[in-house]
Amino acid sequence: MNVITLTEENFDAEVVASEVPVLVDFWASWCGPCKMLSPVVDEIAEEATGGFKVGKVNVDDAGEIAERFGIASIPTLLVFKGGEPVKRSVGVIGKDEILALLD
């Protein structure tokens, strides 16, 4: 499974209506810590076996989504279950910590 690029157009269908948990990475191209976190998120997406989905929101392209969920700093990871954000992590964390968010 690959990372889904989330936009204003597909966010509700891919995340809010998802039947499986969704890990969403809020990032921007100019953000150094985001560049450190991105390969870890990509790796988790590659290893995902269908128990969850992984998506990314570029806050410069989809600012309304970032505002909707109160994203004040990036990188921020949100885990959505049943269409609602249930866990949040701000800053760079390791793969094991990200996987723990999904449990």
Protein backbone atom coordinates (compact mmCIF):
# COMPACT_ATOMS: atom_id res chain seq x y z
CA MET A 1 0.00 0.00 0.00
CA ASN A 2 1.28 3.44 -0.86
CA VAL A 3 0.83 6.86 0.65
CA ILE A 4 -2.33 8.67 -0.42
CA THR A 5 -1.93 12.33 -1.29
CA LEU A 6 -4.81 13.95 0.56
CA THR A 7 -6.51 17.04 -0.85
CA GLU A 8 -9.64 19.08 -0.14
CA GLU A 9 -11.36 16.96 -2.81
CA ASN A 10 -10.56 13.47 -1.48
CA PHE A 11 -9.99 13.95 2.27
CA ASP A 12 -13.49 13.06 3.45
CA ALA A 13 -13.72 10.01 1.17
CA GLU A 14 -10.25 8.67 2.03
CA VAL A 15 -10.11 9.56 5.75
CA VAL A 16 -13.48 10.43 7.28
CA ALA A 17 -15.34 7.64 5.45
CA SER A 18 -12.55 5.07 5.86
CA GLU A 19 -13.46 1.77 7.46
CA VAL A 20 -9.86 1.29 8.67
CA PRO A 21 -7.72 3.66 10.77
CA VAL A 22 -5.84 6.32 8.79
CA LEU A 23 -2.45 7.80 9.71
CA VAL A 24 -2.29 11.34 8.32
CA ASP A 25 1.01 13.22 8.05
CA PHE A 26 0.63 17.02 7.91
CA TRP A 27 3.78 18.44 6.26
CA ALA A 28 5.26 21.11 3.97
CA SER A 29 8.13 21.05 1.46
CA TRP A 30 10.04 23.82 3.32
CA CYS A 31 9.86 22.02 6.68
CA GLY A 32 13.16 20.35 7.67
CA PRO A 33 11.73 18.05 10.36
CA CYS A 34 8.99 17.00 7.89
CA LYS A 35 11.71 15.80 5.51
CA MET A 36 13.18 13.70 8.34
CA LEU A 37 9.81 12.14 9.19
CA SER A 38 8.61 11.54 5.63
CA PRO A 39 10.75 8.46 4.82
CA VAL A 40 9.60 6.79 8.04
CA VAL A 41 5.95 7.42 7.17
CA ASP A 42 6.59 6.12 3.63
CA GLU A 43 8.16 2.96 5.05
CA ILE A 44 5.16 2.35 7.31
CA ALA A 45 2.84 2.80 4.31
CA GLU A 46 4.86 0.29 2.27
CA GLU A 47 4.62 -2.26 5.07
CA ALA A 48 0.91 -1.68 5.75
CA THR A 49 -1.07 -4.87 5.21
CA GLY A 50 -4.53 -3.34 4.94
CA GLY A 51 -5.18 -2.85 8.65
CA PHE A 52 -4.77 0.90 8.16
CA LYS A 53 -4.12 3.53 5.49
CA VAL A 54 -1.48 6.25 5.32
CA GLY A 55 -2.04 9.70 3.82
CA LYS A 56 -0.22 13.01 3.64
CA VAL A 57 -1.57 16.54 3.64
CA ASN A 58 0.67 19.30 2.26
CA VAL A 59 -0.46 22.19 4.48
CA ASP A 60 0.52 24.73 1.80
CA ASP A 61 -1.79 23.08 -0.73
CA ALA A 62 -4.59 22.11 1.66
CA GLY A 63 -4.62 24.75 4.38
CA GLU A 64 -8.33 24.31 5.03
CA ILE A 65 -7.78 20.72 6.16
CA ALA A 66 -4.96 21.81 8.49
CA GLU A 67 -7.21 24.52 9.95
CA ARG A 68 -10.12 22.10 10.33
CA PHE A 69 -8.02 19.90 12.64
CA GLY A 70 -6.14 22.65 14.45
CA ILE A 71 -2.70 21.92 13.01
CA ALA A 72 -0.49 24.63 14.51
CA SER A 73 2.94 23.17 13.85
CA ILE A 74 4.37 20.57 11.52
CA PRO A 75 5.11 17.78 11.19
CA THR A 76 1.94 16.61 12.92
CA LEU A 77 0.63 13.07 12.72
CA LEU A 78 -3.05 12.39 13.34
CA VAL A 79 -4.62 8.95 13.60
CA PHE A 80 -8.25 8.86 12.50
CA LYS A 81 -10.65 6.11 13.57
CA GLY A 82 -14.30 6.19 12.63
CA GLY A 83 -13.75 9.50 10.87
CA GLU A 84 -12.49 11.27 13.99
CA PRO A 85 -8.93 12.16 15.04
CA VAL A 86 -8.15 9.98 18.07
CA LYS A 87 -4.38 10.42 18.48
CA ARG A 88 -1.97 13.25 17.70
CA SER A 89 1.80 13.57 17.66
CA VAL A 90 3.71 16.78 16.93
CA GLY A 91 7.33 16.69 15.81
CA VAL A 92 9.64 13.94 14.62
CA ILE A 93 9.15 10.55 16.25
CA GLY A 94 10.49 7.10 15.49
CA LYS A 95 8.85 4.28 13.58
CA ASP A 96 7.99 2.31 16.73
CA GLU A 97 6.28 5.36 18.25
CA ILE A 98 4.28 5.93 15.07
CA LEU A 99 3.19 2.28 14.99
CA ALA A 100 2.18 2.58 18.67
CA LEU A 101 -0.15 5.45 17.70
CA LEU A 102 -1.96 3.04 15.38
CA ASP A 103 -2.56 0.43 18.12
